[in-house]
Amino acid sequence: MARKKSFRLPKLRHHRPSNRGVVELSGKQHYLGPYDSPECQAAYDKLVGEWLASGKRPVEIVTTTAVGKSATGLA
């Protein structure tokens, strides 16, 4: 008899060198802001929600730094 494959949400982890939260979705790491902060948890919830809504496909997200400039430096 075949087993059902169980599904688990990706964990929000602590990236110690930068003290930021990080989650890996579809093989790509997304840095979310200061670890253990409400902003980090909100970013995690939003990102994982979008990832699940898109059928667990890679999500293109432009992250912003604390200064408000985009991480790519183009904004």
Protein backbone atom coordinates (compact mmCIF):
# COMPACT_ATOMS: atom_id res chain seq x y z
CA MET A 1 0.00 0.00 0.00
CA ALA A 2 1.41 3.40 -1.00
CA ARG A 3 1.97 6.05 1.63
CA LYS A 4 0.84 9.59 1.24
CA LYS A 5 3.69 12.05 1.12
CA SER A 6 3.36 14.40 4.07
CA PHE A 7 3.71 18.13 3.53
CA ARG A 8 5.41 20.53 5.92
CA LEU A 9 5.70 24.27 5.63
CA PRO A 10 9.25 25.54 5.20
CA LYS A 11 10.69 26.71 8.50
CA LEU A 12 11.62 30.25 9.36
CA ARG A 13 15.27 29.98 10.38
CA HIS A 14 17.81 32.27 12.00
CA HIS A 15 20.75 33.38 9.84
CA ARG A 16 23.14 34.12 12.69
CA PRO A 17 25.87 36.04 10.81
CA SER A 18 23.36 38.71 9.70
CA ASN A 19 20.80 38.18 12.51
CA ARG A 20 18.02 37.92 9.91
CA GLY A 21 15.25 35.44 9.36
CA VAL A 22 15.55 33.23 6.29
CA VAL A 23 13.25 30.76 4.57
CA GLU A 24 14.05 28.51 1.62
CA LEU A 25 11.33 28.19 -1.01
CA SER A 26 11.82 26.16 -4.19
CA GLY A 27 15.56 26.04 -3.62
CA LYS A 28 16.00 29.80 -3.17
CA GLN A 29 16.72 31.51 0.14
CA HIS A 30 14.72 34.61 1.06
CA TYR A 31 16.01 36.93 3.80
CA LEU A 32 13.18 38.55 5.71
CA GLY A 33 14.51 41.10 8.18
CA PRO A 34 15.63 41.10 11.81
CA TYR A 35 15.07 37.64 13.28
CA ASP A 36 12.36 37.25 15.93
CA SER A 37 10.68 40.55 15.04
CA PRO A 38 7.05 41.12 14.05
CA GLU A 39 8.23 42.40 10.65
CA CYS A 40 10.12 39.16 10.00
CA GLN A 41 7.11 37.03 10.93
CA ALA A 42 4.79 39.13 8.75
CA ALA A 43 7.18 38.86 5.79
CA TYR A 44 7.42 35.08 6.31
CA ASP A 45 3.63 34.71 6.45
CA LYS A 46 3.16 36.79 3.29
CA LEU A 47 5.91 35.05 1.33
CA VAL A 48 4.83 31.51 2.23
CA GLY A 49 1.20 32.41 1.50
CA GLU A 50 2.12 33.69 -1.96
CA TRP A 51 4.28 30.62 -2.54
CA LEU A 52 1.43 28.27 -1.62
CA ALA A 53 -1.09 30.26 -3.69
CA SER A 54 1.17 30.00 -6.75
CA GLY A 55 1.20 26.22 -6.50
CA LYS A 56 4.58 26.00 -4.73
CA ARG A 57 6.45 27.45 -7.69
CA PRO A 58 9.34 29.91 -7.42
CA VAL A 59 8.18 33.35 -6.34
CA GLU A 60 9.95 36.48 -7.59
CA ILE A 61 10.08 38.89 -4.66
CA VAL A 62 11.88 42.22 -4.47
CA THR A 63 13.00 42.64 -0.88
CA THR A 64 13.68 46.03 0.64
CA THR A 65 16.33 47.01 3.14
CA ALA A 66 15.67 48.98 6.33
CA VAL A 67 16.53 52.21 4.47
CA GLY A 68 13.76 51.58 1.95
CA LYS A 69 15.92 51.00 -1.13
CA SER A 70 15.45 47.78 -3.02
CA ALA A 71 17.97 45.02 -2.50
CA THR A 72 18.96 45.31 -6.17
CA GLY A 73 19.77 49.02 -5.75
CA LEU A 74 17.57 50.02 -8.70
CA ALA A 75 14.76 51.81 -6.85
